[in-house]
Amino acid sequence: MLIRMTVFNTNNILSVTTAQRIVSAAVILFVLQCIGAKDACIFAQTAENKPGRVYAEPELISETVEPVVESWGSTKGLGEKIDWIHANLYKTAQDQVDRIDSWFKPPKGEQRLVVEPSRFRVGLFGEGKIKKDEGFDLKQVVDFDSDIEVPNLKRRIKLVITTNDPTTLPGKYVTEQPDKSLRTAIEGKWRHDASAAIGVRARWKPELFANAVWSPTWKTGNWLLYPQQRFYWESGSGIGEISTLVFDHWINRWNTRFSTSIKWSEQDRDDDHQAERKDVGFRWSEVFIFDHANELLDETQLGRIVSGYDVANGWGISLAAFGGFHLVDEYRAGIFYRRPLRKKWMYLFVAPEINWRNVNNWNREWTIKCGIEMLFWGRKER
């Protein structure tokens, strides 16, 4: 067998080799954790279940709005004052949702459904890049997302207002979304794991969009499996589809997660044709995460789970690769850390990374991602 290798840039090849070694080490760690042999569970310390020893699992956070004192004058200190503002902002918004839902009468012979608590998320994120010979580049973005339940409107209907772009390939950071405009949609479910939505993007010239999603969750032992199939249409860029599969393995508070996604779109196909690229509209992403979580957010968006954004209090290692059928575009290696700033509704996120991009001739690029996120998630006991 004859293997021929042409080296154009020793430093760049060394960078790619380093990334490959990191990936190899992570894969070995994944195998050790998932073999099932007792002696392999070195991180979770589950080799022997000693009598009286309790092995903790991450706390799942599904509500973030807590009861507060009735009046502003009764609050003490800055902490109680911002808690009061947080709780009353949510109460004001939810009261309006309840009032709108009361306009619709249930079908004849049926009782009125109780309005489920709505969810609102507001985040401010930034991404700074240190580029060779180009200095420091900074991007900022405001992220907003809401799920507003209006169950008595045709039943199983909810209003979604968000800046999340459903056409983004899983694994991409929020600042990398191709479209950051505000979207408003009506979403309906015909099954617990299947839904469809239609809405409008807020632009100078508003554009329509629609999507249909099948996203079940399967569990066996310590394994969780998240398959998702999404079909979408954008009036400005045409049709597309995204297929994602996530493997999630837990041992106490230690988690190993691997996801693979493939996307095809008319927009990417046209871009490939203009750039004389042979991928005919196909893109893929591979993301590997190893993390330790004391608390987890009860996330419903698979894209956030792929990126590890469901970790509320913890840290992790992240490896990712992106490309097309005939071309690798980028490798990434980094760590992330997330912790609460105020109770269970305000969080800090920090994630330094090293990127290697094809368009930059595989030169190293240092990136720091950070953000503050505020969650307005209501209580179930309404």
Protein backbone atom coordinates (compact mmCIF):
# COMPACT_ATOMS: atom_id res chain seq x y z
CA MET A 1 0.00 0.00 0.00
CA LEU A 2 1.35 3.43 -0.95
CA ILE A 3 0.25 6.45 1.07
CA ARG A 4 1.13 9.84 -0.36
CA MET A 5 0.79 13.03 1.70
CA THR A 6 1.58 16.56 0.57
CA VAL A 7 2.36 18.99 3.37
CA PHE A 8 1.62 22.64 2.55
CA ASN A 9 1.91 24.16 6.02
CA THR A 10 3.53 22.34 8.93
CA ASN A 11 1.93 24.50 11.59
CA ASN A 12 -1.55 24.03 10.13
CA ILE A 13 -1.12 20.27 9.81
CA LEU A 14 0.04 20.19 13.43
CA SER A 15 -3.14 22.02 14.47
CA VAL A 16 -5.35 19.50 12.68
CA THR A 17 -3.31 16.64 14.18
CA THR A 18 -3.83 18.11 17.66
CA ALA A 19 -7.58 18.29 17.05
CA GLN A 20 -7.59 14.67 15.89
CA ARG A 21 -5.77 13.61 19.06
CA ILE A 22 -8.33 15.43 21.20
CA VAL A 23 -11.14 13.68 19.34
CA SER A 24 -9.42 10.29 19.77
CA ALA A 25 -9.01 10.85 23.52
CA ALA A 26 -12.67 11.83 23.86
CA VAL A 27 -13.80 8.73 21.95
CA ILE A 28 -11.70 6.51 24.21
CA LEU A 29 -13.25 8.19 27.25
CA PHE A 30 -16.71 7.60 25.79
CA VAL A 31 -15.97 3.90 25.25
CA LEU A 32 -14.65 3.49 28.79
CA GLN A 33 -17.71 5.10 30.27
CA CYS A 34 -20.20 3.11 28.23
CA ILE A 35 -18.62 -0.38 28.27
CA GLY A 36 -20.70 -1.36 31.24
CA ALA A 37 -17.87 -3.01 33.17
CA LYS A 38 -17.87 -1.91 36.78
CA ASP A 39 -14.22 -0.90 36.83
CA ALA A 40 -14.72 1.35 33.79
CA CYS A 41 -17.06 3.75 35.60
CA ILE A 42 -14.18 5.75 37.00
CA PHE A 43 -15.85 9.15 37.00
CA ALA A 44 -19.20 8.23 38.49
CA GLN A 45 -17.60 6.02 41.16
CA THR A 46 -20.33 3.40 40.75
CA ALA A 47 -18.07 0.35 40.89
CA GLU A 48 -19.55 -0.75 44.18
CA ASN A 49 -22.89 0.26 45.58
CA LYS A 50 -21.94 0.56 49.22
CA PRO A 51 -24.79 0.34 51.74
CA GLY A 52 -26.09 3.75 52.71
CA ARG A 53 -24.31 5.59 49.90
CA VAL A 54 -26.52 7.80 47.74
CA TYR A 55 -25.49 8.66 44.17
CA ALA A 56 -26.97 12.01 43.16
CA GLU A 57 -28.46 12.80 39.77
CA PRO A 58 -28.75 16.30 38.29
CA GLU A 59 -31.67 18.36 39.54
CA LEU A 60 -34.13 19.06 36.71
CA ILE A 61 -35.29 22.68 36.59
CA SER A 62 -38.69 23.10 34.95
CA GLU A 63 -39.88 26.28 36.69
CA THR A 64 -37.99 29.43 37.56
CA VAL A 65 -40.62 31.86 38.85
CA GLU A 66 -40.86 31.70 42.64
CA PRO A 67 -43.37 33.34 45.01
CA VAL A 68 -42.33 36.81 46.21
CA VAL A 69 -43.66 39.41 48.61
CA GLU A 70 -46.73 41.29 47.40
CA SER A 71 -45.40 44.85 47.37
CA TRP A 72 -42.18 46.49 46.21
CA GLY A 73 -41.89 48.27 49.56
CA SER A 74 -41.65 44.96 51.42
CA THR A 75 -38.56 43.82 49.51
CA LYS A 76 -35.19 43.89 51.23
CA GLY A 77 -31.93 44.27 49.39
CA LEU A 78 -31.09 44.19 45.70
CA GLY A 79 -31.63 40.42 45.39
CA GLU A 80 -35.25 40.50 46.57
CA LYS A 81 -35.98 43.54 44.42
CA ILE A 82 -34.85 41.90 41.17
CA ASP A 83 -36.70 38.71 42.17
CA TRP A 84 -39.84 40.82 42.64
CA ILE A 85 -39.39 42.41 39.20
CA HIS A 86 -38.79 38.99 37.62
CA ALA A 87 -41.90 37.42 39.21
CA ASN A 88 -44.21 40.35 38.44
CA LEU A 89 -43.05 40.67 34.85
CA TYR A 90 -43.98 37.04 34.37
CA LYS A 91 -47.32 37.48 36.18
CA THR A 92 -48.22 40.45 33.97
CA ALA A 93 -47.41 38.50 30.79
CA GLN A 94 -49.22 35.35 31.93
CA ASP A 95 -52.33 37.29 32.96
CA GLN A 96 -52.56 38.62 29.41
CA VAL A 97 -52.23 35.09 28.04
CA ASP A 98 -55.03 33.89 30.35
CA ARG A 99 -57.24 36.79 29.25
CA ILE A 100 -56.71 36.04 25.56
CA ASP A 101 -57.41 32.33 26.10
CA SER A 102 -60.67 33.21 27.88
CA TRP A 103 -61.98 34.70 24.61
CA PHE A 104 -62.30 31.20 23.13
CA LYS A 105 -65.02 28.83 24.20
CA PRO A 106 -64.37 25.08 24.41
CA PRO A 107 -66.23 22.73 22.06
CA LYS A 108 -69.82 21.98 23.04
CA GLY A 109 -69.98 19.37 25.79
CA GLU A 110 -66.34 19.79 26.80
CA GLN A 111 -64.84 21.61 29.75
CA ARG A 112 -62.47 24.51 29.43
CA LEU A 113 -58.83 23.48 29.49
CA VAL A 114 -56.48 24.95 32.08
CA VAL A 115 -53.89 27.24 30.53
CA GLU A 116 -50.41 25.75 30.94
CA PRO A 117 -47.70 28.13 32.19
CA SER A 118 -45.98 29.97 29.37
CA ARG A 119 -42.22 30.06 28.92
CA PHE A 120 -40.16 33.13 28.09
CA ARG A 121 -36.41 33.31 27.60
CA VAL A 122 -34.29 36.44 27.12
CA GLY A 123 -30.56 36.26 26.53
CA LEU A 124 -27.70 38.53 25.60
CA PHE A 125 -24.84 36.68 23.91
CA GLY A 126 -21.50 37.65 22.48
CA GLU A 127 -18.73 36.00 20.50
CA GLY A 128 -15.20 37.37 20.34
CA LYS A 129 -12.59 36.07 17.89
CA ILE A 130 -8.86 36.64 17.89
CA LYS A 131 -7.81 36.44 14.25
CA LYS A 132 -4.24 36.29 13.02
CA ASP A 133 -3.19 39.67 11.56
CA GLU A 134 -6.79 40.93 11.87
CA GLY A 135 -7.08 41.75 15.57
CA PHE A 136 -10.21 41.15 17.66
CA ASP A 137 -13.68 40.68 16.18
CA LEU A 138 -16.81 40.90 18.36
CA LYS A 139 -20.42 39.92 17.61
CA GLN A 140 -23.41 40.50 19.86
CA VAL A 141 -26.96 39.22 19.61
CA VAL A 142 -30.12 39.41 21.69
CA ASP A 143 -31.94 36.09 21.89
CA PHE A 144 -35.65 35.88 22.68
CA ASP A 145 -37.85 32.82 22.80
CA SER A 146 -41.36 32.13 24.08
CA ASP A 147 -43.90 29.31 24.11
CA ILE A 148 -47.37 30.65 24.87
CA GLU A 149 -50.06 28.05 25.44
CA VAL A 150 -53.57 28.93 24.23
CA PRO A 151 -55.25 25.51 24.67
CA ASN A 152 -58.86 26.60 24.16
CA LEU A 153 -58.09 27.94 20.68
CA LYS A 154 -58.78 24.88 18.51
CA ARG A 155 -57.10 22.76 21.22
CA ARG A 156 -53.36 21.97 21.23
CA ILE A 157 -52.55 25.32 19.68
CA LYS A 158 -49.80 27.59 20.98
CA LEU A 159 -48.22 30.84 19.97
CA VAL A 160 -44.44 30.91 19.42
CA ILE A 161 -42.48 34.17 19.35
CA THR A 162 -38.76 33.68 18.91
CA THR A 163 -35.51 34.86 17.34
CA ASN A 164 -34.34 31.24 16.93
CA ASP A 165 -33.83 30.28 13.29
CA PRO A 166 -35.27 26.77 12.73
CA THR A 167 -33.14 26.39 9.58
CA THR A 168 -29.84 26.56 11.53
CA LEU A 169 -27.73 23.40 11.52
CA PRO A 170 -27.59 21.94 15.07
CA GLY A 171 -24.31 22.64 16.84
CA LYS A 172 -24.01 26.25 15.65
CA TYR A 173 -23.82 29.06 18.22
CA VAL A 174 -26.66 31.59 18.47
CA THR A 175 -24.48 34.33 16.91
CA GLU A 176 -23.97 32.12 13.82
CA GLN A 177 -27.64 31.97 12.88
CA PRO A 178 -28.13 33.04 9.26
CA ASP A 179 -31.34 34.86 10.22
CA LYS A 180 -31.83 36.72 13.54
CA SER A 181 -35.16 38.37 12.79
CA LEU A 182 -38.14 37.94 15.11
CA ARG A 183 -40.51 35.15 14.12
CA THR A 184 -44.14 34.75 15.16
CA ALA A 185 -45.93 31.47 14.48
CA ILE A 186 -48.97 29.43 15.37
CA GLU A 187 -47.97 25.87 16.24
CA GLY A 188 -50.27 22.89 16.49
CA LYS A 189 -49.70 19.29 17.55
CA TRP A 190 -51.45 16.29 16.12
CA ARG A 191 -49.38 13.92 18.29
CA HIS A 192 -47.22 14.41 21.38
CA ASP A 193 -44.08 14.09 19.23
CA ALA A 194 -45.25 15.68 15.98
CA SER A 195 -46.12 19.30 15.28
CA ALA A 196 -46.46 21.86 12.51
CA ALA A 197 -46.16 25.63 12.52
CA ILE A 198 -46.82 28.51 10.17
CA GLY A 199 -45.83 32.10 10.74
CA VAL A 200 -44.16 35.29 9.59
CA ARG A 201 -40.69 36.79 9.91
CA ALA A 202 -40.54 40.45 10.97
CA ARG A 203 -38.58 42.26 8.25
CA TRP A 204 -38.98 45.41 6.18
CA LYS A 205 -40.76 43.09 3.79
CA PRO A 206 -42.33 40.34 5.97
CA GLU A 207 -41.76 36.78 4.80
CA LEU A 208 -43.79 33.65 5.47
CA PHE A 209 -42.38 30.40 6.79
CA ALA A 210 -43.66 26.97 7.76
CA ASN A 211 -42.22 23.77 9.21
CA ALA A 212 -43.23 20.29 10.30
CA VAL A 213 -41.29 18.40 12.97
CA TRP A 214 -41.25 14.83 14.25
CA SER A 215 -39.24 14.66 17.47
CA PRO A 216 -39.77 11.67 19.81
CA THR A 217 -37.70 10.74 22.87
CA TRP A 218 -36.71 7.15 23.57
CA LYS A 219 -35.14 5.91 26.79
CA THR A 220 -33.53 2.63 27.77
CA GLY A 221 -31.52 2.33 30.97
CA ASN A 222 -29.03 5.19 31.19
CA TRP A 223 -29.43 5.97 27.49
CA LEU A 224 -31.62 8.64 25.92
CA LEU A 225 -32.12 8.79 22.16
CA TYR A 226 -33.44 11.90 20.42
CA PRO A 227 -34.21 11.52 16.71
CA GLN A 228 -35.66 14.52 14.91
CA GLN A 229 -36.86 15.11 11.37
CA ARG A 230 -37.66 18.67 10.31
CA PHE A 231 -39.07 19.88 6.98
CA TYR A 232 -39.32 23.61 6.39
CA TRP A 233 -40.24 26.23 3.84
CA GLU A 234 -39.17 29.87 3.73
CA SER A 235 -40.80 32.22 1.24
CA GLY A 236 -37.46 33.92 0.62
CA SER A 237 -35.18 30.90 0.33
CA GLY A 238 -37.31 27.84 -0.52
CA ILE A 239 -37.58 24.38 1.04
CA GLY A 240 -35.18 22.35 3.15
CA GLU A 241 -34.88 19.54 5.66
CA ILE A 242 -32.75 18.72 8.71
CA SER A 243 -32.28 15.22 10.15
CA THR A 244 -30.72 14.89 13.62
CA LEU A 245 -29.89 11.98 15.90
CA VAL A 246 -28.64 12.48 19.46
CA PHE A 247 -27.24 9.76 21.74
CA ASP A 248 -27.26 10.78 25.41
CA HIS A 249 -25.70 8.64 28.14
CA TRP A 250 -25.85 9.43 31.87
CA ILE A 251 -24.07 7.98 34.89
CA ASN A 252 -25.14 10.00 37.92
CA ARG A 253 -24.07 13.55 37.07
CA TRP A 254 -21.66 12.60 34.29
CA ASN A 255 -22.96 12.83 30.75
CA THR A 256 -21.62 11.76 27.36
CA ARG A 257 -23.48 13.06 24.33
CA PHE A 258 -22.97 12.56 20.62
CA SER A 259 -25.08 14.06 17.87
CA THR A 260 -25.04 13.87 14.11
CA SER A 261 -27.06 16.08 11.77
CA ILE A 262 -27.48 16.45 8.04
CA LYS A 263 -29.20 19.30 6.24
CA TRP A 264 -30.28 20.00 2.69
CA SER A 265 -31.75 23.26 1.45
CA GLU A 266 -32.48 25.03 -1.80
CA GLN A 267 -30.54 28.05 -0.56
CA ASP A 268 -27.37 26.03 0.08
CA ARG A 269 -27.79 24.27 -3.27
CA ASP A 270 -27.90 27.61 -5.10
CA ASP A 271 -24.91 28.87 -3.08
CA ASP A 272 -22.94 25.72 -3.95
CA HIS A 273 -23.73 26.17 -7.63
CA GLN A 274 -22.51 29.78 -7.60
CA ALA A 275 -19.35 28.85 -5.66
CA GLU A 276 -18.75 25.78 -7.88
CA ARG A 277 -18.88 23.59 -4.79
CA LYS A 278 -19.92 19.97 -5.31
CA ASP A 279 -22.03 19.47 -2.17
CA VAL A 280 -25.32 20.29 -4.02
CA GLY A 281 -26.89 21.82 -0.92
CA PHE A 282 -25.93 19.23 1.71
CA ARG A 283 -24.34 20.16 5.05
CA TRP A 284 -23.53 18.05 8.10
CA SER A 285 -22.44 18.52 11.71
CA GLU A 286 -20.96 16.18 14.32
CA VAL A 287 -20.90 17.29 17.97
CA PHE A 288 -19.40 15.43 20.93
CA ILE A 289 -19.89 16.62 24.52
CA PHE A 290 -18.61 15.25 27.81
CA ASP A 291 -19.95 17.18 30.80
CA HIS A 292 -20.70 17.19 34.51
CA ALA A 293 -24.00 18.76 35.54
CA ASN A 294 -25.34 19.51 39.01
CA GLU A 295 -28.51 21.00 37.52
CA LEU A 296 -30.25 20.60 34.17
CA LEU A 297 -32.80 22.78 32.42
CA ASP A 298 -35.95 21.06 31.21
CA GLU A 299 -35.26 21.96 27.60
CA THR A 300 -37.69 21.21 24.78
CA GLN A 301 -35.50 22.48 21.91
CA LEU A 302 -33.23 19.79 20.51
CA GLY A 303 -30.76 22.32 19.14
CA ARG A 304 -29.98 23.52 22.67
CA ILE A 305 -29.52 19.94 23.87
CA VAL A 306 -27.08 19.24 21.03
CA SER A 307 -24.91 22.20 22.12
CA GLY A 308 -25.10 21.38 25.84
CA TYR A 309 -27.18 24.45 26.69
CA ASP A 310 -29.42 22.33 28.92
CA VAL A 311 -26.63 22.31 31.53
CA ALA A 312 -27.75 24.85 34.15
CA ASN A 313 -24.92 24.40 36.63
CA GLY A 314 -21.85 22.55 35.42
CA TRP A 315 -19.02 22.35 32.91
CA GLY A 316 -18.10 20.32 29.87
CA ILE A 317 -15.78 19.59 26.96
CA SER A 318 -17.09 20.11 23.43
CA LEU A 319 -15.74 18.86 20.09
CA ALA A 320 -17.43 19.57 16.77
CA ALA A 321 -16.95 19.31 13.01
CA PHE A 322 -18.93 20.84 10.13
CA GLY A 323 -18.85 20.36 6.40
CA GLY A 324 -20.48 19.04 3.24
CA PHE A 325 -20.32 15.77 1.33
CA HIS A 326 -17.11 16.73 -0.48
CA LEU A 327 -15.60 19.34 1.81
CA VAL A 328 -14.86 19.75 5.53
CA ASP A 329 -15.48 23.35 6.58
CA GLU A 330 -14.47 23.54 10.22
CA TYR A 331 -13.22 21.78 13.36
CA ARG A 332 -13.82 23.04 16.91
CA ALA A 333 -12.53 22.12 20.35
CA GLY A 334 -13.43 23.91 23.55
CA ILE A 335 -14.77 23.88 27.07
CA PHE A 336 -17.88 25.50 28.52
CA TYR A 337 -19.01 26.57 31.96
CA ARG A 338 -22.47 27.59 33.11
CA ARG A 339 -23.66 28.66 36.54
CA PRO A 340 -26.63 30.49 38.08
CA LEU A 341 -26.20 34.19 38.80
CA ARG A 342 -29.51 34.55 40.62
CA LYS A 343 -31.45 31.56 41.98
CA LYS A 344 -32.76 29.46 39.08
CA TRP A 345 -33.71 32.15 36.60
CA MET A 346 -30.51 34.03 35.67
CA TYR A 347 -27.46 32.21 34.26
CA LEU A 348 -23.94 32.99 33.10
CA PHE A 349 -22.43 31.07 30.17
CA VAL A 350 -18.73 31.11 29.19
CA ALA A 351 -17.13 28.94 26.48
CA PRO A 352 -13.57 29.43 25.14
CA GLU A 353 -12.86 27.55 21.89
CA ILE A 354 -10.21 26.91 19.26
CA ASN A 355 -11.43 26.83 15.66
CA TRP A 356 -9.78 25.54 12.49
CA ARG A 357 -11.54 26.71 9.31
CA ASN A 358 -10.97 25.65 5.74
CA VAL A 359 -11.51 29.19 4.47
CA ASN A 360 -8.67 30.37 6.74
CA ASN A 361 -6.26 27.67 5.47
CA TRP A 362 -6.74 25.78 8.77
CA ASN A 363 -5.07 28.52 10.84
CA ARG A 364 -5.92 28.47 14.54
CA GLU A 365 -8.60 30.92 15.62
CA TRP A 366 -9.25 31.60 19.30
CA THR A 367 -12.86 32.27 20.24
CA ILE A 368 -14.57 33.21 23.49
CA LYS A 369 -18.34 32.85 23.72
CA CYS A 370 -20.29 34.21 26.65
CA GLY A 371 -23.78 35.24 27.58
CA ILE A 372 -26.34 36.00 30.26
CA GLU A 373 -29.73 34.32 30.07
CA MET A 374 -32.93 35.01 32.01
CA LEU A 375 -35.69 32.41 32.20
CA PHE A 376 -39.34 33.17 32.89
CA TRP A 377 -40.80 29.69 33.31
CA GLY A 378 -44.05 29.43 35.24
CA ARG A 379 -45.14 27.02 37.90
CA LYS A 380 -47.18 23.96 37.00
CA GLU A 381 -49.51 24.32 39.99
CA ARG A 382 -51.84 26.97 38.61
